[in-house]
Amino acid sequence: MNNEQHDPSTDEESHGNEATTIHEARLWQDDGWTARVIKNEDDDGWAVAMIKDGEREPALVGPWTMGRDKKNPKPLDASAFQTLVKTASEVLRRHEQQLHAMLHKSITVSTASASITVMLDIVPDEDDPYATLSAEDESGERLAEARVAPNFKLTRASAEAWIESGYSRPR
């Protein structure tokens, strides 16, 4: 294990710098991530926070193992760091998938002549949120597009009604 000296006053400057590598007992910074062992405010134990470079908030905060003296935390090591990176990355991936699922919906409707996929893409803009309703045929050709309210409910019934109306703007 590398026991480089670390000046805490440089944390702010080095936090977003991917080239910085620190391997200390309570602070590891490597591979685009920072693991910081912190005192658990809720009890006498310790926690570890995993922060992706460039982010302000931790992607993961979890309990950390006590050392043999039952007072201080177990030191970080390469194996623990890699496990934490894998876990934190998976948390971020699930969050991104959930956000994508909330903002992008689609329903395929079979008509007498074709299958049409109706999609709703929500743009969560702070000042002017909106959504785009669009329809594509089986080959991916865009048949229609309309701007709708961000709270528009895409259901099979609303998709069928939009198709049957000749793609007139939904209310």
N, C-alpha and C. Protein backbone atom coordinates (compact mmCIF):
# COMPACT_ATOMS: atom_id res chain seq x y z
N MET A 1 0.86 -1.18 0.00
CA MET A 1 0.00 0.00 0.00
C MET A 1 0.89 1.23 0.00
N ASN A 2 0.50 2.22 -0.76
CA ASN A 2 1.23 3.46 -0.89
C ASN A 2 0.81 4.41 0.22
N ASN A 3 1.75 4.86 1.04
CA ASN A 3 1.43 5.75 2.15
C ASN A 3 1.94 7.16 1.86
N GLU A 4 1.48 7.74 0.74
CA GLU A 4 1.90 9.10 0.39
C GLU A 4 1.37 10.07 1.43
N GLN A 5 2.12 11.13 1.67
CA GLN A 5 1.64 12.19 2.54
C GLN A 5 0.56 12.95 1.78
N HIS A 6 -0.47 13.35 2.48
CA HIS A 6 -1.58 14.06 1.86
C HIS A 6 -1.87 15.33 2.61
N ASP A 7 -1.95 16.43 1.88
CA ASP A 7 -2.29 17.72 2.47
C ASP A 7 -3.79 17.96 2.27
N PRO A 8 -4.60 17.89 3.36
CA PRO A 8 -6.04 18.05 3.22
C PRO A 8 -6.44 19.39 2.60
N SER A 9 -5.61 20.40 2.68
CA SER A 9 -5.96 21.70 2.12
C SER A 9 -6.04 21.65 0.59
N THR A 10 -5.52 20.60 -0.03
CA THR A 10 -5.58 20.49 -1.49
C THR A 10 -6.78 19.69 -1.96
N ASP A 11 -7.61 19.21 -1.06
CA ASP A 11 -8.76 18.38 -1.44
C ASP A 11 -9.65 19.06 -2.47
N GLU A 12 -10.01 20.32 -2.24
CA GLU A 12 -10.89 21.03 -3.16
C GLU A 12 -10.25 21.14 -4.53
N GLU A 13 -8.96 21.44 -4.57
CA GLU A 13 -8.28 21.62 -5.85
C GLU A 13 -8.14 20.31 -6.60
N SER A 14 -7.86 19.22 -5.89
CA SER A 14 -7.57 17.96 -6.56
C SER A 14 -8.81 17.11 -6.78
N HIS A 15 -9.95 17.47 -6.18
CA HIS A 15 -11.11 16.59 -6.23
C HIS A 15 -11.56 16.26 -7.65
N GLY A 16 -11.56 17.22 -8.57
CA GLY A 16 -12.02 16.95 -9.91
C GLY A 16 -10.91 16.52 -10.84
N ASN A 17 -9.70 16.37 -10.36
CA ASN A 17 -8.56 16.05 -11.20
C ASN A 17 -8.35 14.54 -11.24
N GLU A 18 -8.65 13.93 -12.39
CA GLU A 18 -8.57 12.47 -12.50
C GLU A 18 -7.15 11.95 -12.41
N ALA A 19 -6.15 12.82 -12.66
CA ALA A 19 -4.77 12.37 -12.64
C ALA A 19 -4.26 12.18 -11.21
N THR A 20 -4.96 12.74 -10.22
CA THR A 20 -4.53 12.63 -8.85
C THR A 20 -4.81 11.22 -8.32
N THR A 21 -3.78 10.61 -7.75
CA THR A 21 -3.93 9.30 -7.13
C THR A 21 -3.47 9.41 -5.68
N ILE A 22 -4.37 9.05 -4.77
CA ILE A 22 -4.06 9.07 -3.34
C ILE A 22 -4.48 7.72 -2.79
N HIS A 23 -3.60 7.08 -2.04
CA HIS A 23 -3.91 5.81 -1.40
C HIS A 23 -3.53 5.94 0.07
N GLU A 24 -4.48 6.34 0.88
CA GLU A 24 -4.27 6.48 2.32
C GLU A 24 -5.28 5.61 3.05
N ALA A 25 -5.09 5.47 4.34
CA ALA A 25 -5.95 4.61 5.15
C ALA A 25 -7.41 5.04 5.10
N ARG A 26 -7.67 6.36 5.08
CA ARG A 26 -9.05 6.85 5.09
C ARG A 26 -9.44 7.62 3.83
N LEU A 27 -8.55 7.69 2.86
CA LEU A 27 -8.83 8.43 1.63
C LEU A 27 -8.13 7.76 0.46
N TRP A 28 -8.92 7.31 -0.50
CA TRP A 28 -8.38 6.76 -1.75
C TRP A 28 -8.99 7.56 -2.88
N GLN A 29 -8.13 8.04 -3.77
CA GLN A 29 -8.59 8.75 -4.94
C GLN A 29 -7.87 8.13 -6.13
N ASP A 30 -8.65 7.52 -7.01
CA ASP A 30 -8.07 6.79 -8.13
C ASP A 30 -9.18 6.47 -9.13
N ASP A 31 -8.82 6.33 -10.38
CA ASP A 31 -9.73 5.80 -11.39
C ASP A 31 -11.04 6.58 -11.48
N GLY A 32 -10.99 7.90 -11.24
CA GLY A 32 -12.20 8.72 -11.36
C GLY A 32 -13.10 8.72 -10.15
N TRP A 33 -12.66 8.14 -9.05
CA TRP A 33 -13.47 8.03 -7.84
C TRP A 33 -12.66 8.43 -6.61
N THR A 34 -13.38 8.90 -5.59
CA THR A 34 -12.78 9.16 -4.28
C THR A 34 -13.58 8.40 -3.23
N ALA A 35 -12.87 7.61 -2.42
CA ALA A 35 -13.47 6.93 -1.27
C ALA A 35 -12.95 7.63 -0.03
N ARG A 36 -13.86 8.08 0.81
CA ARG A 36 -13.47 8.78 2.03
C ARG A 36 -14.16 8.12 3.21
N VAL A 37 -13.37 7.63 4.16
CA VAL A 37 -13.93 7.03 5.38
C VAL A 37 -14.23 8.18 6.34
N ILE A 38 -15.47 8.22 6.82
CA ILE A 38 -15.92 9.32 7.67
C ILE A 38 -16.57 8.78 8.93
N LYS A 39 -16.58 9.59 9.96
CA LYS A 39 -17.24 9.23 11.21
C LYS A 39 -18.74 9.19 10.97
N ASN A 40 -19.38 8.11 11.39
CA ASN A 40 -20.82 7.98 11.25
C ASN A 40 -21.47 8.84 12.33
N GLU A 41 -22.21 9.84 11.90
CA GLU A 41 -22.82 10.78 12.85
C GLU A 41 -23.91 10.15 13.69
N ASP A 42 -24.49 9.06 13.21
CA ASP A 42 -25.61 8.43 13.91
C ASP A 42 -25.18 7.51 15.05
N ASP A 43 -23.94 7.03 15.03
CA ASP A 43 -23.49 6.15 16.11
C ASP A 43 -21.97 6.24 16.23
N ASP A 44 -21.38 5.29 16.93
CA ASP A 44 -19.93 5.31 17.15
C ASP A 44 -19.14 4.71 16.00
N GLY A 45 -19.82 4.24 14.95
CA GLY A 45 -19.14 3.56 13.86
C GLY A 45 -18.61 4.51 12.80
N TRP A 46 -18.25 3.91 11.68
CA TRP A 46 -17.66 4.63 10.57
C TRP A 46 -18.45 4.35 9.30
N ALA A 47 -18.37 5.26 8.35
CA ALA A 47 -19.02 5.10 7.06
C ALA A 47 -18.01 5.41 5.96
N VAL A 48 -18.32 5.00 4.74
CA VAL A 48 -17.47 5.34 3.60
C VAL A 48 -18.36 6.02 2.57
N ALA A 49 -17.86 7.13 2.02
CA ALA A 49 -18.57 7.87 0.98
C ALA A 49 -17.80 7.71 -0.33
N MET A 50 -18.51 7.34 -1.37
CA MET A 50 -17.92 7.20 -2.70
C MET A 50 -18.41 8.35 -3.57
N ILE A 51 -17.46 9.14 -4.07
CA ILE A 51 -17.80 10.31 -4.87
C ILE A 51 -17.13 10.19 -6.23
N LYS A 52 -17.92 10.28 -7.28
CA LYS A 52 -17.37 10.26 -8.65
C LYS A 52 -16.77 11.63 -8.94
N ASP A 53 -15.60 11.64 -9.58
CA ASP A 53 -14.94 12.90 -9.90
C ASP A 53 -15.89 13.83 -10.64
N GLY A 54 -15.89 15.09 -10.21
CA GLY A 54 -16.74 16.10 -10.83
C GLY A 54 -18.10 16.24 -10.19
N GLU A 55 -18.47 15.33 -9.30
CA GLU A 55 -19.78 15.38 -8.64
C GLU A 55 -19.62 15.98 -7.24
N ARG A 56 -20.65 16.66 -6.77
CA ARG A 56 -20.61 17.24 -5.44
C ARG A 56 -21.11 16.26 -4.38
N GLU A 57 -22.12 15.47 -4.75
CA GLU A 57 -22.75 14.55 -3.80
C GLU A 57 -22.21 13.13 -3.99
N PRO A 58 -22.10 12.38 -2.89
CA PRO A 58 -21.65 10.98 -3.02
C PRO A 58 -22.68 10.14 -3.78
N ALA A 59 -22.17 9.22 -4.57
CA ALA A 59 -23.03 8.26 -5.25
C ALA A 59 -23.47 7.17 -4.28
N LEU A 60 -22.67 6.96 -3.25
CA LEU A 60 -22.92 5.88 -2.30
C LEU A 60 -22.33 6.25 -0.95
N VAL A 61 -23.10 6.05 0.10
CA VAL A 61 -22.59 6.16 1.47
C VAL A 61 -23.06 4.91 2.19
N GLY A 62 -22.10 4.21 2.80
CA GLY A 62 -22.47 2.97 3.48
C GLY A 62 -21.61 2.74 4.70
N PRO A 63 -21.99 1.78 5.51
CA PRO A 63 -21.21 1.49 6.72
C PRO A 63 -19.81 1.01 6.38
N TRP A 64 -18.87 1.29 7.26
CA TRP A 64 -17.49 0.85 7.07
C TRP A 64 -17.06 0.04 8.28
N THR A 65 -16.25 -0.95 8.04
CA THR A 65 -15.82 -1.90 9.07
C THR A 65 -14.88 -1.25 10.08
N MET A 66 -15.07 -1.62 11.34
CA MET A 66 -14.17 -1.16 12.41
C MET A 66 -12.86 -1.95 12.33
N GLY A 67 -11.80 -1.31 12.76
CA GLY A 67 -10.50 -1.98 12.81
C GLY A 67 -10.43 -2.91 14.01
N ARG A 68 -9.29 -3.53 14.19
CA ARG A 68 -9.11 -4.49 15.29
C ARG A 68 -9.23 -3.85 16.66
N ASP A 69 -8.90 -2.55 16.76
CA ASP A 69 -8.97 -1.90 18.06
C ASP A 69 -10.40 -1.50 18.45
N LYS A 70 -11.36 -1.73 17.56
CA LYS A 70 -12.79 -1.45 17.78
C LYS A 70 -13.08 0.04 18.01
N LYS A 71 -12.13 0.91 17.67
CA LYS A 71 -12.32 2.35 17.80
C LYS A 71 -12.14 3.05 16.45
N ASN A 72 -11.14 2.63 15.73
CA ASN A 72 -10.80 3.27 14.46
C ASN A 72 -11.27 2.41 13.29
N PRO A 73 -11.45 3.04 12.13
CA PRO A 73 -11.91 2.27 10.98
C PRO A 73 -10.81 1.40 10.39
N LYS A 74 -11.22 0.33 9.75
CA LYS A 74 -10.29 -0.51 9.01
C LYS A 74 -9.75 0.34 7.85
N PRO A 75 -8.46 0.26 7.55
CA PRO A 75 -7.91 1.06 6.45
C PRO A 75 -8.44 0.61 5.09
N LEU A 76 -8.60 1.57 4.18
CA LEU A 76 -8.96 1.25 2.81
C LEU A 76 -7.81 0.49 2.15
N ASP A 77 -8.14 -0.40 1.22
CA ASP A 77 -7.11 -1.08 0.44
C ASP A 77 -7.61 -1.23 -0.99
N ALA A 78 -6.77 -1.73 -1.86
CA ALA A 78 -7.10 -1.82 -3.29
C ALA A 78 -8.34 -2.67 -3.54
N SER A 79 -8.45 -3.79 -2.87
CA SER A 79 -9.59 -4.69 -3.07
C SER A 79 -10.89 -4.03 -2.63
N ALA A 80 -10.87 -3.43 -1.44
CA ALA A 80 -12.08 -2.75 -0.94
C ALA A 80 -12.45 -1.59 -1.85
N PHE A 81 -11.46 -0.83 -2.32
CA PHE A 81 -11.72 0.30 -3.19
C PHE A 81 -12.39 -0.16 -4.49
N GLN A 82 -11.88 -1.23 -5.09
CA GLN A 82 -12.46 -1.72 -6.34
C GLN A 82 -13.90 -2.20 -6.14
N THR A 83 -14.16 -2.84 -5.02
CA THR A 83 -15.52 -3.28 -4.71
C THR A 83 -16.44 -2.07 -4.54
N LEU A 84 -15.95 -1.04 -3.84
CA LEU A 84 -16.74 0.19 -3.66
C LEU A 84 -17.02 0.89 -4.99
N VAL A 85 -16.01 0.94 -5.87
CA VAL A 85 -16.19 1.56 -7.19
C VAL A 85 -17.26 0.80 -7.97
N LYS A 86 -17.19 -0.53 -7.95
CA LYS A 86 -18.17 -1.35 -8.67
C LYS A 86 -19.58 -1.12 -8.12
N THR A 87 -19.73 -1.09 -6.82
CA THR A 87 -21.04 -0.89 -6.19
C THR A 87 -21.58 0.51 -6.48
N ALA A 88 -20.74 1.53 -6.33
CA ALA A 88 -21.17 2.91 -6.59
C ALA A 88 -21.53 3.10 -8.06
N SER A 89 -20.77 2.49 -8.96
CA SER A 89 -21.07 2.59 -10.39
C SER A 89 -22.43 1.96 -10.70
N GLU A 90 -22.72 0.84 -10.07
CA GLU A 90 -24.01 0.19 -10.28
C GLU A 90 -25.16 1.04 -9.75
N VAL A 91 -24.96 1.70 -8.62
CA VAL A 91 -25.99 2.61 -8.08
C VAL A 91 -26.26 3.73 -9.09
N LEU A 92 -25.21 4.33 -9.64
CA LEU A 92 -25.39 5.39 -10.63
C LEU A 92 -26.09 4.86 -11.88
N ARG A 93 -25.71 3.68 -12.33
CA ARG A 93 -26.33 3.09 -13.52
C ARG A 93 -27.82 2.86 -13.30
N ARG A 94 -28.19 2.33 -12.15
CA ARG A 94 -29.62 2.10 -11.86
C ARG A 94 -30.37 3.42 -11.80
N HIS A 95 -29.75 4.45 -11.22
CA HIS A 95 -30.38 5.77 -11.14
C HIS A 95 -30.62 6.33 -12.55
N GLU A 96 -29.62 6.20 -13.42
CA GLU A 96 -29.76 6.68 -14.80
C GLU A 96 -30.84 5.91 -15.54
N GLN A 97 -30.91 4.61 -15.34
CA GLN A 97 -31.95 3.80 -15.99
C GLN A 97 -33.34 4.20 -15.51
N GLN A 98 -33.46 4.45 -14.22
CA GLN A 98 -34.75 4.86 -13.66
C GLN A 98 -35.17 6.22 -14.22
N LEU A 99 -34.23 7.15 -14.28
CA LEU A 99 -34.52 8.47 -14.83
C LEU A 99 -34.92 8.37 -16.29
N HIS A 100 -34.19 7.57 -17.05
CA HIS A 100 -34.52 7.38 -18.47
C HIS A 100 -35.92 6.80 -18.63
N ALA A 101 -36.26 5.81 -17.80
CA ALA A 101 -37.58 5.19 -17.88
C ALA A 101 -38.69 6.19 -17.54
N MET A 102 -38.42 7.12 -16.63
CA MET A 102 -39.42 8.12 -16.27
C MET A 102 -39.61 9.15 -17.39
N LEU A 103 -38.54 9.46 -18.12
CA LEU A 103 -38.58 10.53 -19.12
C LEU A 103 -38.88 10.05 -20.53
N HIS A 104 -38.75 8.76 -20.80
CA HIS A 104 -38.94 8.23 -22.15
C HIS A 104 -39.84 7.00 -22.09
N LYS A 105 -41.02 7.12 -22.67
CA LYS A 105 -41.97 6.01 -22.68
C LYS A 105 -42.38 5.72 -24.12
N SER A 106 -42.75 4.48 -24.40
CA SER A 106 -43.24 4.14 -25.73
C SER A 106 -44.27 3.02 -25.64
N ILE A 107 -45.18 3.06 -26.61
CA ILE A 107 -46.23 2.04 -26.72
C ILE A 107 -46.37 1.72 -28.20
N THR A 108 -46.45 0.44 -28.53
CA THR A 108 -46.68 0.05 -29.91
C THR A 108 -48.14 -0.35 -30.06
N VAL A 109 -48.76 0.24 -31.08
CA VAL A 109 -50.18 0.02 -31.36
C VAL A 109 -50.30 -0.65 -32.73
N SER A 110 -51.06 -1.72 -32.79
CA SER A 110 -51.31 -2.39 -34.07
C SER A 110 -52.59 -1.81 -34.67
N THR A 111 -52.46 -1.29 -35.89
CA THR A 111 -53.63 -0.79 -36.62
C THR A 111 -53.93 -1.79 -37.73
N ALA A 112 -54.95 -1.52 -38.51
CA ALA A 112 -55.32 -2.43 -39.61
C ALA A 112 -54.21 -2.53 -40.64
N SER A 113 -53.42 -1.43 -40.79
CA SER A 113 -52.41 -1.43 -41.85
C SER A 113 -50.98 -1.59 -41.36
N ALA A 114 -50.70 -1.31 -40.08
CA ALA A 114 -49.30 -1.37 -39.62
C ALA A 114 -49.22 -1.33 -38.10
N SER A 115 -48.01 -1.55 -37.62
CA SER A 115 -47.72 -1.33 -36.20
C SER A 115 -47.08 0.05 -36.08
N ILE A 116 -47.57 0.84 -35.18
CA ILE A 116 -47.08 2.20 -34.98
C ILE A 116 -46.60 2.33 -33.55
N THR A 117 -45.38 2.84 -33.39
CA THR A 117 -44.83 3.08 -32.06
C THR A 117 -45.00 4.55 -31.72
N VAL A 118 -45.68 4.80 -30.60
CA VAL A 118 -45.89 6.16 -30.11
C VAL A 118 -44.96 6.35 -28.93
N MET A 119 -44.18 7.44 -28.99
CA MET A 119 -43.19 7.71 -27.95
C MET A 119 -43.49 9.05 -27.28
N LEU A 120 -43.19 9.10 -25.99
CA LEU A 120 -43.30 10.34 -25.22
C LEU A 120 -41.94 10.60 -24.60
N ASP A 121 -41.35 11.74 -24.95
CA ASP A 121 -40.04 12.13 -24.42
C ASP A 121 -40.22 13.42 -23.63
N ILE A 122 -40.01 13.35 -22.32
CA ILE A 122 -40.19 14.49 -21.44
C ILE A 122 -38.87 15.23 -21.30
N VAL A 123 -38.93 16.56 -21.43
CA VAL A 123 -37.76 17.41 -21.25
C VAL A 123 -37.99 18.18 -19.94
N PRO A 124 -37.29 17.78 -18.85
CA PRO A 124 -37.56 18.37 -17.53
C PRO A 124 -36.83 19.71 -17.33
N ASP A 125 -37.00 20.65 -18.24
CA ASP A 125 -36.37 21.96 -18.15
C ASP A 125 -36.92 22.71 -16.94
N GLU A 126 -36.05 23.36 -16.18
CA GLU A 126 -36.49 24.09 -14.98
C GLU A 126 -37.46 25.22 -15.31
N ASP A 127 -37.19 25.94 -16.40
CA ASP A 127 -38.02 27.09 -16.75
C ASP A 127 -39.21 26.75 -17.62
N ASP A 128 -39.05 25.79 -18.52
CA ASP A 128 -40.11 25.48 -19.48
C ASP A 128 -40.17 23.98 -19.77
N PRO A 129 -40.62 23.17 -18.80
CA PRO A 129 -40.70 21.74 -19.07
C PRO A 129 -41.76 21.44 -20.13
N TYR A 130 -41.49 20.45 -20.96
CA TYR A 130 -42.44 20.04 -21.98
C TYR A 130 -42.16 18.59 -22.36
N ALA A 131 -43.00 18.07 -23.23
CA ALA A 131 -42.80 16.72 -23.73
C ALA A 131 -43.07 16.71 -25.23
N THR A 132 -42.46 15.75 -25.90
CA THR A 132 -42.69 15.57 -27.33
C THR A 132 -43.33 14.21 -27.53
N LEU A 133 -44.45 14.21 -28.20
CA LEU A 133 -45.15 12.99 -28.55
C LEU A 133 -44.82 12.73 -30.02
N SER A 134 -44.39 11.52 -30.34
CA SER A 134 -44.06 11.22 -31.73
C SER A 134 -44.54 9.82 -32.08
N ALA A 135 -44.69 9.61 -33.39
CA ALA A 135 -45.13 8.31 -33.89
C ALA A 135 -44.20 7.89 -35.01
N GLU A 136 -43.84 6.59 -35.02
CA GLU A 136 -43.00 6.03 -36.06
C GLU A 136 -43.61 4.73 -36.56
N ASP A 137 -43.39 4.47 -37.85
CA ASP A 137 -43.85 3.20 -38.38
C ASP A 137 -42.80 2.12 -38.11
N GLU A 138 -43.05 0.92 -38.61
CA GLU A 138 -42.17 -0.23 -38.33
C GLU A 138 -40.75 -0.02 -38.84
N SER A 139 -40.58 0.79 -39.89
CA SER A 139 -39.25 1.01 -40.46
C SER A 139 -38.52 2.16 -39.76
N GLY A 140 -39.17 2.80 -38.78
CA GLY A 140 -38.55 3.90 -38.05
C GLY A 140 -38.81 5.26 -38.66
N GLU A 141 -39.65 5.31 -39.70
CA GLU A 141 -39.97 6.59 -40.32
C GLU A 141 -40.92 7.38 -39.43
N ARG A 142 -40.58 8.63 -39.21
CA ARG A 142 -41.39 9.52 -38.36
C ARG A 142 -42.68 9.86 -39.09
N LEU A 143 -43.81 9.56 -38.45
CA LEU A 143 -45.12 9.83 -39.03
C LEU A 143 -45.70 11.15 -38.54
N ALA A 144 -45.41 11.48 -37.28
CA ALA A 144 -45.97 12.70 -36.70
C ALA A 144 -45.21 13.06 -35.44
N GLU A 145 -45.30 14.32 -35.06
CA GLU A 145 -44.68 14.80 -33.83
C GLU A 145 -45.50 15.97 -33.31
N ALA A 146 -45.67 16.03 -31.99
CA ALA A 146 -46.43 17.13 -31.39
C ALA A 146 -45.84 17.45 -30.02
N ARG A 147 -45.81 18.72 -29.72
CA ARG A 147 -45.37 19.14 -28.38
C ARG A 147 -46.58 19.08 -27.46
N VAL A 148 -46.39 18.45 -26.29
CA VAL A 148 -47.48 18.29 -25.32
C VAL A 148 -46.99 18.70 -23.93
N ALA A 149 -47.90 18.78 -23.01
CA ALA A 149 -47.55 19.11 -21.63
C ALA A 149 -46.68 18.01 -21.04
N PRO A 150 -45.76 18.36 -20.12
CA PRO A 150 -44.88 17.34 -19.56
C PRO A 150 -45.61 16.29 -18.72
N ASN A 151 -46.85 16.58 -18.32
CA ASN A 151 -47.62 15.62 -17.54
C ASN A 151 -48.60 14.82 -18.42
N PHE A 152 -48.42 14.88 -19.73
CA PHE A 152 -49.25 14.10 -20.65
C PHE A 152 -49.11 12.62 -20.30
N LYS A 153 -50.22 11.93 -20.22
CA LYS A 153 -50.21 10.50 -19.88
C LYS A 153 -50.27 9.67 -21.16
N LEU A 154 -49.17 8.97 -21.45
CA LEU A 154 -49.15 8.08 -22.60
C LEU A 154 -49.68 6.72 -22.15
N THR A 155 -50.84 6.39 -22.67
CA THR A 155 -51.46 5.09 -22.41
C THR A 155 -51.81 4.49 -23.77
N ARG A 156 -52.18 3.24 -23.78
CA ARG A 156 -52.61 2.62 -25.04
C ARG A 156 -53.80 3.40 -25.61
N ALA A 157 -54.74 3.78 -24.75
CA ALA A 157 -55.93 4.51 -25.21
C ALA A 157 -55.55 5.88 -25.79
N SER A 158 -54.64 6.61 -25.11
CA SER A 158 -54.27 7.93 -25.63
C SER A 158 -53.48 7.81 -26.93
N ALA A 159 -52.65 6.77 -27.06
CA ALA A 159 -51.90 6.54 -28.30
C ALA A 159 -52.85 6.20 -29.44
N GLU A 160 -53.81 5.31 -29.19
CA GLU A 160 -54.79 4.93 -30.22
C GLU A 160 -55.63 6.13 -30.64
N ALA A 161 -56.05 6.95 -29.67
CA ALA A 161 -56.86 8.13 -29.98
C ALA A 161 -56.07 9.12 -30.85
N TRP A 162 -54.78 9.28 -30.55
CA TRP A 162 -53.95 10.20 -31.33
C TRP A 162 -53.80 9.71 -32.78
N ILE A 163 -53.57 8.40 -32.93
CA ILE A 163 -53.44 7.81 -34.27
C ILE A 163 -54.76 7.96 -35.04
N GLU A 164 -55.88 7.62 -34.38
CA GLU A 164 -57.20 7.68 -35.03
C GLU A 164 -57.59 9.10 -35.41
N SER A 165 -57.08 10.10 -34.69
CA SER A 165 -57.42 11.50 -34.99
C SER A 165 -56.60 12.03 -36.17
N GLY A 166 -55.73 11.18 -36.72
CA GLY A 166 -54.87 11.65 -37.80
C GLY A 166 -53.72 12.47 -37.26
N TYR A 167 -53.38 12.23 -36.01
CA TYR A 167 -52.25 12.90 -35.32
C TYR A 167 -52.52 14.38 -35.08
N SER A 168 -53.79 14.71 -34.86
CA SER A 168 -54.06 16.10 -34.46
C SER A 168 -53.59 16.29 -33.03
N ARG A 169 -53.19 17.48 -32.72
CA ARG A 169 -52.57 17.77 -31.42
C ARG A 169 -53.45 17.31 -30.26
N PRO A 170 -52.91 16.45 -29.39
CA PRO A 170 -53.70 15.97 -28.23
C PRO A 170 -53.99 17.11 -27.26
N ARG A 171 -55.10 16.99 -26.58
CA ARG A 171 -55.46 18.02 -25.60
C ARG A 171 -55.04 17.61 -24.23
